[in-house]
Amino acid sequence: MQVRKASKKDTKPILGLLVQLRPSPSSKSQYNYFMRIIQRYLTDKDKQMLVAVVRSKIVGLASLVFLPRLNQKLELWIPELVVDQKYRKKRVGKSLIKACVSAAKKKKCFRIRLESGNRRKGSHAFYRKIGFEQFALSFQKPI
């Protein structure tokens, strides 16, 4: 397995992984919109996307956002981390997190933060096992 930075040619398989986290685009225009968002993400200097590749197939994804904090140094936020269902429990997620930690250290981030839905108990156990700690509650207000 290899973990590398994503490129524009990876856009379609990236969207294929993301639909394992969120609903699929329901129309051609929505599909095109998501493809453009992914491509913009790849060119933003404050963002990065890493992919895990096994035998030329993208099987995992981590999106990284480097956020300057007003009262701290830079923070690495991981809004999406997804591993194809067929490749879970095969060290893919661990390899992606290891690459995220390396990126955070390179940019001198003070911490890595991510969120996980309340019902994703398996993901919570995974994050704890690799050294993450729960430190806050997250709130939202749908608009």
N, C-alpha and C. Protein backbone atom coordinates (compact mmCIF):
# COMPACT_ATOMS: atom_id res chain seq x y z
N MET A 1 0.84 -1.18 0.00
CA MET A 1 0.00 0.00 0.00
C MET A 1 0.88 1.23 0.00
N GLN A 2 0.42 2.25 -0.69
CA GLN A 2 1.11 3.53 -0.77
C GLN A 2 0.14 4.64 -0.38
N VAL A 3 0.61 5.64 0.36
CA VAL A 3 -0.17 6.84 0.63
C VAL A 3 0.53 7.98 -0.08
N ARG A 4 -0.25 8.72 -0.86
CA ARG A 4 0.32 9.83 -1.63
C ARG A 4 -0.67 10.98 -1.71
N LYS A 5 -0.17 12.14 -2.15
CA LYS A 5 -1.06 13.27 -2.38
C LYS A 5 -1.95 12.94 -3.57
N ALA A 6 -3.20 13.35 -3.47
CA ALA A 6 -4.15 13.13 -4.56
C ALA A 6 -3.87 14.12 -5.69
N SER A 7 -4.29 13.73 -6.89
CA SER A 7 -4.18 14.61 -8.05
C SER A 7 -5.53 14.67 -8.75
N LYS A 8 -5.63 15.54 -9.75
CA LYS A 8 -6.91 15.71 -10.45
C LYS A 8 -7.40 14.41 -11.07
N LYS A 9 -6.49 13.53 -11.49
CA LYS A 9 -6.91 12.27 -12.10
C LYS A 9 -7.60 11.35 -11.09
N ASP A 10 -7.47 11.67 -9.80
CA ASP A 10 -8.08 10.86 -8.74
C ASP A 10 -9.49 11.31 -8.38
N THR A 11 -9.99 12.35 -9.03
CA THR A 11 -11.26 12.97 -8.64
C THR A 11 -12.42 11.97 -8.62
N LYS A 12 -12.58 11.18 -9.66
CA LYS A 12 -13.71 10.25 -9.73
C LYS A 12 -13.63 9.18 -8.64
N PRO A 13 -12.47 8.51 -8.43
CA PRO A 13 -12.42 7.54 -7.33
C PRO A 13 -12.59 8.18 -5.96
N ILE A 14 -12.15 9.43 -5.80
CA ILE A 14 -12.35 10.14 -4.52
C ILE A 14 -13.84 10.29 -4.26
N LEU A 15 -14.58 10.73 -5.27
CA LEU A 15 -16.04 10.87 -5.10
C LEU A 15 -16.67 9.51 -4.78
N GLY A 16 -16.16 8.46 -5.39
CA GLY A 16 -16.66 7.12 -5.09
C GLY A 16 -16.47 6.74 -3.63
N LEU A 17 -15.37 7.16 -3.04
CA LEU A 17 -15.15 6.90 -1.61
C LEU A 17 -16.05 7.79 -0.74
N LEU A 18 -16.18 9.04 -1.12
CA LEU A 18 -16.97 9.97 -0.31
C LEU A 18 -18.42 9.55 -0.18
N VAL A 19 -18.96 8.86 -1.19
CA VAL A 19 -20.37 8.44 -1.09
C VAL A 19 -20.54 7.33 -0.06
N GLN A 20 -19.43 6.76 0.44
CA GLN A 20 -19.54 5.81 1.55
C GLN A 20 -19.75 6.54 2.88
N LEU A 21 -19.50 7.86 2.88
CA LEU A 21 -19.75 8.69 4.07
C LEU A 21 -21.06 9.46 3.96
N ARG A 22 -21.37 9.90 2.77
CA ARG A 22 -22.51 10.80 2.55
C ARG A 22 -23.32 10.30 1.36
N PRO A 23 -24.53 10.78 1.20
CA PRO A 23 -25.35 10.34 0.06
C PRO A 23 -24.69 10.66 -1.28
N SER A 24 -24.97 9.83 -2.26
CA SER A 24 -24.48 10.03 -3.63
C SER A 24 -25.13 11.26 -4.24
N PRO A 25 -24.42 11.90 -5.17
CA PRO A 25 -25.08 12.98 -5.93
C PRO A 25 -26.31 12.42 -6.63
N SER A 26 -27.41 13.16 -6.57
CA SER A 26 -28.68 12.65 -7.11
C SER A 26 -28.97 13.12 -8.53
N SER A 27 -28.12 13.97 -9.08
CA SER A 27 -28.34 14.44 -10.45
C SER A 27 -26.98 14.70 -11.09
N LYS A 28 -26.99 14.83 -12.40
CA LYS A 28 -25.76 15.12 -13.15
C LYS A 28 -25.16 16.46 -12.71
N SER A 29 -26.00 17.46 -12.50
CA SER A 29 -25.48 18.77 -12.08
C SER A 29 -24.87 18.70 -10.69
N GLN A 30 -25.48 17.93 -9.79
CA GLN A 30 -24.91 17.76 -8.45
C GLN A 30 -23.58 16.98 -8.52
N TYR A 31 -23.53 15.97 -9.37
CA TYR A 31 -22.30 15.20 -9.58
C TYR A 31 -21.18 16.13 -10.07
N ASN A 32 -21.49 16.94 -11.07
CA ASN A 32 -20.49 17.88 -11.60
C ASN A 32 -20.05 18.89 -10.55
N TYR A 33 -20.98 19.34 -9.74
CA TYR A 33 -20.66 20.27 -8.65
C TYR A 33 -19.65 19.64 -7.69
N PHE A 34 -19.90 18.40 -7.26
CA PHE A 34 -18.99 17.72 -6.34
C PHE A 34 -17.62 17.48 -6.98
N MET A 35 -17.61 17.16 -8.25
CA MET A 35 -16.33 16.97 -8.95
C MET A 35 -15.52 18.28 -8.95
N ARG A 36 -16.21 19.40 -9.19
CA ARG A 36 -15.51 20.71 -9.17
C ARG A 36 -15.01 21.04 -7.77
N ILE A 37 -15.78 20.73 -6.74
CA ILE A 37 -15.35 20.99 -5.36
C ILE A 37 -14.08 20.20 -5.05
N ILE A 38 -14.06 18.94 -5.42
CA ILE A 38 -12.88 18.11 -5.17
C ILE A 38 -11.67 18.68 -5.90
N GLN A 39 -11.85 19.07 -7.17
CA GLN A 39 -10.73 19.62 -7.93
C GLN A 39 -10.24 20.94 -7.34
N ARG A 40 -11.16 21.78 -6.86
CA ARG A 40 -10.74 23.03 -6.20
C ARG A 40 -9.97 22.74 -4.92
N TYR A 41 -10.43 21.74 -4.20
CA TYR A 41 -9.77 21.34 -2.96
C TYR A 41 -8.30 20.98 -3.23
N LEU A 42 -8.07 20.32 -4.36
CA LEU A 42 -6.72 19.87 -4.71
C LEU A 42 -5.77 21.01 -5.04
N THR A 43 -6.31 22.18 -5.36
CA THR A 43 -5.44 23.31 -5.73
C THR A 43 -5.35 24.38 -4.65
N ASP A 44 -6.08 24.22 -3.56
CA ASP A 44 -6.07 25.21 -2.47
C ASP A 44 -4.81 25.02 -1.63
N LYS A 45 -4.07 26.09 -1.40
CA LYS A 45 -2.80 25.99 -0.66
C LYS A 45 -2.98 25.64 0.81
N ASP A 46 -4.16 25.86 1.37
CA ASP A 46 -4.42 25.54 2.78
C ASP A 46 -5.06 24.17 2.96
N LYS A 47 -5.16 23.42 1.87
CA LYS A 47 -5.79 22.11 1.94
C LYS A 47 -4.89 21.08 1.25
N GLN A 48 -5.16 19.83 1.57
CA GLN A 48 -4.43 18.74 0.97
C GLN A 48 -5.34 17.53 0.98
N MET A 49 -5.17 16.64 0.05
CA MET A 49 -5.92 15.41 0.04
C MET A 49 -4.92 14.27 -0.15
N LEU A 50 -5.02 13.28 0.72
CA LEU A 50 -4.15 12.11 0.64
C LEU A 50 -5.00 10.91 0.26
N VAL A 51 -4.42 10.03 -0.56
CA VAL A 51 -5.12 8.81 -0.93
C VAL A 51 -4.24 7.61 -0.61
N ALA A 52 -4.88 6.53 -0.21
CA ALA A 52 -4.20 5.26 -0.01
C ALA A 52 -4.49 4.41 -1.24
N VAL A 53 -3.43 3.83 -1.80
CA VAL A 53 -3.53 3.09 -3.04
C VAL A 53 -3.04 1.66 -2.83
N VAL A 54 -3.85 0.71 -3.26
CA VAL A 54 -3.47 -0.71 -3.24
C VAL A 54 -3.66 -1.24 -4.66
N ARG A 55 -2.59 -1.76 -5.24
CA ARG A 55 -2.63 -2.30 -6.61
C ARG A 55 -3.32 -1.35 -7.58
N SER A 56 -2.89 -0.09 -7.57
CA SER A 56 -3.39 0.96 -8.47
C SER A 56 -4.84 1.39 -8.18
N LYS A 57 -5.44 0.90 -7.11
CA LYS A 57 -6.82 1.28 -6.77
C LYS A 57 -6.81 2.17 -5.52
N ILE A 58 -7.52 3.28 -5.59
CA ILE A 58 -7.64 4.17 -4.43
C ILE A 58 -8.64 3.55 -3.47
N VAL A 59 -8.16 3.23 -2.26
CA VAL A 59 -8.98 2.53 -1.27
C VAL A 59 -9.21 3.34 0.00
N GLY A 60 -8.59 4.51 0.09
CA GLY A 60 -8.76 5.35 1.27
C GLY A 60 -8.46 6.79 0.95
N LEU A 61 -8.99 7.67 1.78
CA LEU A 61 -8.87 9.10 1.55
C LEU A 61 -8.84 9.85 2.87
N ALA A 62 -7.98 10.84 2.95
CA ALA A 62 -8.00 11.79 4.08
C ALA A 62 -7.92 13.19 3.48
N SER A 63 -8.85 14.04 3.86
CA SER A 63 -8.76 15.45 3.46
C SER A 63 -8.21 16.23 4.64
N LEU A 64 -7.30 17.15 4.34
CA LEU A 64 -6.62 17.92 5.37
C LEU A 64 -6.86 19.40 5.14
N VAL A 65 -7.15 20.12 6.21
CA VAL A 65 -7.30 21.57 6.15
C VAL A 65 -6.38 22.15 7.22
N PHE A 66 -5.47 23.01 6.80
CA PHE A 66 -4.56 23.67 7.73
C PHE A 66 -5.18 25.00 8.12
N LEU A 67 -5.59 25.09 9.41
CA LEU A 67 -6.32 26.25 9.91
C LEU A 67 -5.45 27.09 10.84
N PRO A 68 -5.24 28.36 10.51
CA PRO A 68 -4.56 29.22 11.48
C PRO A 68 -5.54 29.57 12.61
N ARG A 69 -5.12 29.37 13.84
CA ARG A 69 -5.97 29.67 14.99
C ARG A 69 -5.52 31.01 15.59
N LEU A 70 -6.46 31.79 16.06
CA LEU A 70 -6.14 33.13 16.58
C LEU A 70 -5.29 33.08 17.83
N ASN A 71 -5.49 32.08 18.67
CA ASN A 71 -4.77 32.03 19.94
C ASN A 71 -3.71 30.93 19.98
N GLN A 72 -3.44 30.30 18.87
CA GLN A 72 -2.49 29.19 18.83
C GLN A 72 -1.72 29.24 17.52
N LYS A 73 -1.01 28.16 17.27
CA LYS A 73 -0.35 27.97 15.98
C LYS A 73 -1.36 27.38 14.99
N LEU A 74 -0.83 26.82 13.95
CA LEU A 74 -1.64 26.17 12.94
C LEU A 74 -2.23 24.87 13.49
N GLU A 75 -3.45 24.57 13.09
CA GLU A 75 -4.13 23.33 13.47
C GLU A 75 -4.44 22.54 12.20
N LEU A 76 -4.27 21.23 12.26
CA LEU A 76 -4.68 20.38 11.15
C LEU A 76 -6.04 19.80 11.48
N TRP A 77 -7.01 20.08 10.62
CA TRP A 77 -8.35 19.53 10.76
C TRP A 77 -8.53 18.50 9.64
N ILE A 78 -9.05 17.35 9.98
CA ILE A 78 -9.32 16.29 9.00
C ILE A 78 -10.85 16.18 8.86
N PRO A 79 -11.43 16.86 7.87
CA PRO A 79 -12.89 16.80 7.73
C PRO A 79 -13.40 15.46 7.21
N GLU A 80 -12.61 14.77 6.38
CA GLU A 80 -13.03 13.48 5.86
C GLU A 80 -11.88 12.47 5.98
N LEU A 81 -12.20 11.32 6.51
CA LEU A 81 -11.31 10.17 6.51
C LEU A 81 -12.20 8.98 6.20
N VAL A 82 -11.94 8.34 5.08
CA VAL A 82 -12.79 7.21 4.69
C VAL A 82 -11.91 6.13 4.06
N VAL A 83 -12.22 4.91 4.44
CA VAL A 83 -11.56 3.74 3.86
C VAL A 83 -12.66 2.87 3.24
N ASP A 84 -12.43 2.43 2.03
CA ASP A 84 -13.38 1.56 1.35
C ASP A 84 -13.73 0.40 2.27
N GLN A 85 -15.00 0.05 2.33
CA GLN A 85 -15.47 -0.99 3.24
C GLN A 85 -14.69 -2.30 3.09
N LYS A 86 -14.28 -2.64 1.89
CA LYS A 86 -13.55 -3.89 1.65
C LYS A 86 -12.14 -3.86 2.21
N TYR A 87 -11.64 -2.67 2.54
CA TYR A 87 -10.25 -2.54 2.98
C TYR A 87 -10.13 -2.10 4.44
N ARG A 88 -11.22 -2.07 5.15
CA ARG A 88 -11.17 -1.69 6.56
C ARG A 88 -10.51 -2.80 7.37
N LYS A 89 -9.88 -2.41 8.46
CA LYS A 89 -9.15 -3.32 9.35
C LYS A 89 -7.95 -3.97 8.65
N LYS A 90 -7.40 -3.24 7.68
CA LYS A 90 -6.22 -3.71 6.95
C LYS A 90 -5.10 -2.66 6.99
N ARG A 91 -5.13 -1.81 8.02
CA ARG A 91 -4.10 -0.80 8.27
C ARG A 91 -4.13 0.40 7.31
N VAL A 92 -5.16 0.51 6.49
CA VAL A 92 -5.26 1.63 5.56
C VAL A 92 -5.49 2.93 6.33
N GLY A 93 -6.47 2.92 7.24
CA GLY A 93 -6.76 4.12 8.04
C GLY A 93 -5.55 4.53 8.86
N LYS A 94 -4.89 3.58 9.45
CA LYS A 94 -3.70 3.86 10.25
C LYS A 94 -2.60 4.49 9.40
N SER A 95 -2.43 4.00 8.19
CA SER A 95 -1.43 4.56 7.28
C SER A 95 -1.79 5.99 6.87
N LEU A 96 -3.07 6.24 6.62
CA LEU A 96 -3.50 7.60 6.29
C LEU A 96 -3.26 8.55 7.45
N ILE A 97 -3.60 8.12 8.67
CA ILE A 97 -3.38 8.98 9.84
C ILE A 97 -1.89 9.23 10.04
N LYS A 98 -1.07 8.23 9.83
CA LYS A 98 0.39 8.41 9.95
C LYS A 98 0.88 9.49 8.98
N ALA A 99 0.37 9.46 7.75
CA ALA A 99 0.72 10.49 6.77
C ALA A 99 0.19 11.87 7.19
N CYS A 100 -0.99 11.91 7.81
CA CYS A 100 -1.54 13.17 8.32
C CYS A 100 -0.65 13.73 9.43
N VAL A 101 -0.19 12.87 10.33
CA VAL A 101 0.69 13.29 11.41
C VAL A 101 1.98 13.86 10.83
N SER A 102 2.52 13.21 9.82
CA SER A 102 3.75 13.72 9.18
C SER A 102 3.51 15.10 8.57
N ALA A 103 2.38 15.27 7.89
CA ALA A 103 2.05 16.57 7.30
C ALA A 103 1.90 17.64 8.37
N ALA A 104 1.27 17.28 9.49
CA ALA A 104 1.07 18.23 10.60
C ALA A 104 2.41 18.64 11.21
N LYS A 105 3.30 17.68 11.38
CA LYS A 105 4.62 17.99 11.94
C LYS A 105 5.41 18.88 10.99
N LYS A 106 5.32 18.59 9.70
CA LYS A 106 6.04 19.39 8.70
C LYS A 106 5.60 20.85 8.73
N LYS A 107 4.30 21.07 8.93
CA LYS A 107 3.75 22.43 8.98
C LYS A 107 3.77 23.02 10.39
N LYS A 108 4.29 22.26 11.35
CA LYS A 108 4.40 22.70 12.75
C LYS A 108 3.04 23.01 13.38
N CYS A 109 2.07 22.13 13.13
CA CYS A 109 0.74 22.27 13.73
C CYS A 109 0.81 21.92 15.21
N PHE A 110 -0.05 22.55 16.00
CA PHE A 110 -0.06 22.25 17.43
C PHE A 110 -0.96 21.07 17.78
N ARG A 111 -1.88 20.69 16.85
CA ARG A 111 -2.70 19.52 17.08
C ARG A 111 -3.37 19.11 15.77
N ILE A 112 -3.91 17.89 15.82
CA ILE A 112 -4.76 17.37 14.75
C ILE A 112 -6.14 17.18 15.35
N ARG A 113 -7.14 17.65 14.63
CA ARG A 113 -8.52 17.54 15.11
C ARG A 113 -9.36 16.90 14.02
N LEU A 114 -10.29 16.07 14.44
CA LEU A 114 -11.26 15.50 13.50
C LEU A 114 -12.57 15.31 14.23
N GLU A 115 -13.61 15.05 13.46
CA GLU A 115 -14.94 14.82 14.02
C GLU A 115 -15.43 13.47 13.52
N SER A 116 -16.28 12.85 14.30
CA SER A 116 -16.86 11.57 13.91
C SER A 116 -18.30 11.53 14.42
N GLY A 117 -19.21 11.13 13.57
CA GLY A 117 -20.62 11.10 13.93
C GLY A 117 -20.88 10.24 15.17
N ASN A 118 -21.87 10.61 15.95
CA ASN A 118 -22.19 9.91 17.20
C ASN A 118 -22.39 8.42 17.03
N ARG A 119 -22.95 8.00 15.91
CA ARG A 119 -23.27 6.59 15.71
C ARG A 119 -22.09 5.75 15.22
N ARG A 120 -20.98 6.37 14.92
CA ARG A 120 -19.83 5.67 14.33
C ARG A 120 -18.92 5.11 15.42
N LYS A 121 -19.45 4.22 16.23
CA LYS A 121 -18.73 3.66 17.39
C LYS A 121 -17.43 2.97 16.99
N GLY A 122 -17.43 2.25 15.87
CA GLY A 122 -16.22 1.59 15.40
C GLY A 122 -15.12 2.59 15.07
N SER A 123 -15.51 3.71 14.45
CA SER A 123 -14.54 4.76 14.15
C SER A 123 -13.99 5.36 15.43
N HIS A 124 -14.85 5.57 16.42
CA HIS A 124 -14.40 6.15 17.70
C HIS A 124 -13.35 5.24 18.33
N ALA A 125 -13.60 3.94 18.33
CA ALA A 125 -12.65 2.98 18.91
C ALA A 125 -11.33 3.02 18.14
N PHE A 126 -11.39 3.13 16.82
CA PHE A 126 -10.19 3.22 16.00
C PHE A 126 -9.37 4.45 16.37
N TYR A 127 -10.04 5.61 16.47
CA TYR A 127 -9.31 6.85 16.79
C TYR A 127 -8.66 6.77 18.17
N ARG A 128 -9.38 6.22 19.14
CA ARG A 128 -8.80 6.07 20.48
C ARG A 128 -7.58 5.13 20.45
N LYS A 129 -7.71 4.06 19.71
CA LYS A 129 -6.64 3.06 19.64
C LYS A 129 -5.35 3.66 19.06
N ILE A 130 -5.46 4.62 18.16
CA ILE A 130 -4.26 5.20 17.55
C ILE A 130 -3.85 6.52 18.22
N GLY A 131 -4.41 6.79 19.41
CA GLY A 131 -3.90 7.91 20.20
C GLY A 131 -4.71 9.19 20.23
N PHE A 132 -5.87 9.21 19.59
CA PHE A 132 -6.71 10.41 19.66
C PHE A 132 -7.51 10.38 20.95
N GLU A 133 -7.82 11.56 21.46
CA GLU A 133 -8.62 11.70 22.68
C GLU A 133 -9.83 12.56 22.38
N GLN A 134 -10.96 12.20 22.96
CA GLN A 134 -12.13 13.07 22.84
C GLN A 134 -11.89 14.27 23.73
N PHE A 135 -12.11 15.48 23.18
CA PHE A 135 -11.81 16.67 23.97
C PHE A 135 -12.92 17.71 23.96
N ALA A 136 -13.95 17.51 23.17
CA ALA A 136 -14.99 18.53 23.09
C ALA A 136 -16.28 17.90 22.58
N LEU A 137 -17.35 18.64 22.67
CA LEU A 137 -18.60 18.30 22.02
C LEU A 137 -18.73 19.19 20.80
N SER A 138 -19.39 18.70 19.80
CA SER A 138 -19.59 19.48 18.58
C SER A 138 -21.07 19.81 18.46
N PHE A 139 -21.36 21.02 18.08
CA PHE A 139 -22.75 21.45 17.90
C PHE A 139 -22.91 22.00 16.50
N GLN A 140 -24.13 21.91 15.97
CA GLN A 140 -24.40 22.48 14.66
C GLN A 140 -25.76 23.12 14.66
N LYS A 141 -25.96 24.02 13.71
CA LYS A 141 -27.26 24.61 13.47
C LYS A 141 -27.51 24.54 11.97
N PRO A 142 -28.32 23.59 11.53
CA PRO A 142 -28.59 23.49 10.10
C PRO A 142 -29.22 24.77 9.56
N ILE A 143 -28.82 25.14 8.40
CA ILE A 143 -29.34 26.36 7.75
C ILE A 143 -30.04 25.96 6.46
